[in-house]
Amino acid sequence: MLMHRLPPPTQGCRIYAVQCGASGEEEEDRFWQTLAYKTYGHHLSLTSFSNVFDFIMAIAYKEQGAEQLEVTCKVIRFLLISWFR
């Protein structure tokens, strides 16, 4: 499998693997999970779409700190309001 040949992450590059339309195939799930794990990121399956907002907020806070989290919250709120008008 390709994932076993990934080098360790460099310069803090993390992959936050978002698996869309999960088919339930074990190999597919393992691919996305391993991609995130090997790069010290996280895996999110869009079958849990209700958690996307919390996931994005957690990433922003972890990567940039509280100030960037506040900016990200404002942007996401604006986008959500725009989408549902």
Protein backbone atom coordinates (compact mmCIF):
# COMPACT_ATOMS: atom_id res chain seq x y z
CA MET A 1 0.00 0.00 0.00
CA LEU A 2 1.24 3.49 -0.87
CA MET A 3 0.75 4.86 2.65
CA HIS A 4 3.49 2.68 4.08
CA ARG A 5 6.00 4.48 1.86
CA LEU A 6 5.18 8.00 3.03
CA PRO A 7 8.18 9.75 4.58
CA PRO A 8 7.72 11.32 7.99
CA PRO A 9 6.18 14.82 7.85
CA THR A 10 8.55 17.73 7.44
CA GLN A 11 8.26 21.35 8.45
CA GLY A 12 5.02 20.75 10.32
CA CYS A 13 3.03 19.74 7.24
CA ARG A 14 -0.13 18.01 8.44
CA ILE A 15 -2.89 16.53 6.35
CA TYR A 16 -6.44 16.81 7.61
CA ALA A 17 -8.03 14.05 5.57
CA VAL A 18 -11.70 14.66 4.83
CA GLN A 19 -13.27 11.48 3.49
CA CYS A 20 -16.34 12.36 1.41
CA GLY A 21 -19.07 9.87 0.70
CA ALA A 22 -17.51 7.01 2.59
CA SER A 23 -18.31 3.71 0.90
CA GLY A 24 -17.66 1.61 3.97
CA GLU A 25 -14.80 -0.20 2.25
CA GLU A 26 -12.21 -1.13 4.87
CA GLU A 27 -9.26 -0.40 2.57
CA GLU A 28 -10.63 3.04 1.67
CA ASP A 29 -11.20 3.93 5.32
CA ARG A 30 -7.72 2.71 6.22
CA PHE A 31 -6.18 4.87 3.45
CA TRP A 32 -7.71 8.11 4.79
CA GLN A 33 -7.00 7.25 8.41
CA THR A 34 -3.38 6.38 7.66
CA LEU A 35 -2.88 9.52 5.57
CA ALA A 36 -3.91 11.66 8.53
CA TYR A 37 -2.04 9.56 11.09
CA LYS A 38 1.28 9.52 9.24
CA THR A 39 1.27 13.31 8.88
CA TYR A 40 0.07 14.01 12.44
CA GLY A 41 -3.22 15.35 11.08
CA HIS A 42 -6.75 14.12 11.65
CA HIS A 43 -9.29 12.10 9.70
CA LEU A 44 -12.88 13.21 9.26
CA SER A 45 -15.53 11.19 7.51
CA LEU A 46 -18.33 13.33 6.12
CA THR A 47 -20.83 10.85 7.43
CA SER A 48 -20.35 12.92 10.59
CA PHE A 49 -20.97 16.23 8.80
CA SER A 50 -22.54 17.79 11.88
CA ASN A 51 -19.06 17.85 13.44
CA VAL A 52 -17.37 19.75 10.58
CA PHE A 53 -17.67 23.16 12.27
CA ASP A 54 -16.10 21.89 15.50
CA PHE A 55 -13.40 20.11 13.52
CA ILE A 56 -12.42 23.27 11.62
CA MET A 57 -12.43 25.33 14.81
CA ALA A 58 -10.20 22.83 16.57
CA ILE A 59 -7.73 22.86 13.66
CA ALA A 60 -7.57 26.66 13.60
CA TYR A 61 -7.04 26.86 17.34
CA LYS A 62 -4.40 24.15 17.36
CA GLU A 63 -2.49 25.51 14.37
CA GLN A 64 -2.70 29.27 14.89
CA GLY A 65 -3.87 30.03 18.41
CA ALA A 66 -6.87 31.82 19.89
CA GLU A 67 -6.60 34.99 17.78
CA GLN A 68 -6.74 33.09 14.50
CA LEU A 69 -9.58 30.98 15.87
CA GLU A 70 -11.71 34.10 16.32
CA VAL A 71 -11.02 35.24 12.74
CA THR A 72 -11.84 31.77 11.41
CA CYS A 73 -15.12 31.72 13.38
CA LYS A 74 -16.19 35.03 11.84
CA VAL A 75 -15.38 33.82 8.32
CA ILE A 76 -17.23 30.54 8.75
CA ARG A 77 -20.27 32.25 10.25
CA PHE A 78 -20.35 34.65 7.30
CA LEU A 79 -20.10 31.76 4.82
CA LEU A 80 -22.81 29.75 6.54
CA ILE A 81 -25.16 32.73 6.64
CA SER A 82 -24.46 33.40 2.93
CA TRP A 83 -25.11 29.78 1.95
CA PHE A 84 -28.46 29.57 3.74
CA ARG A 85 -29.97 32.84 2.51
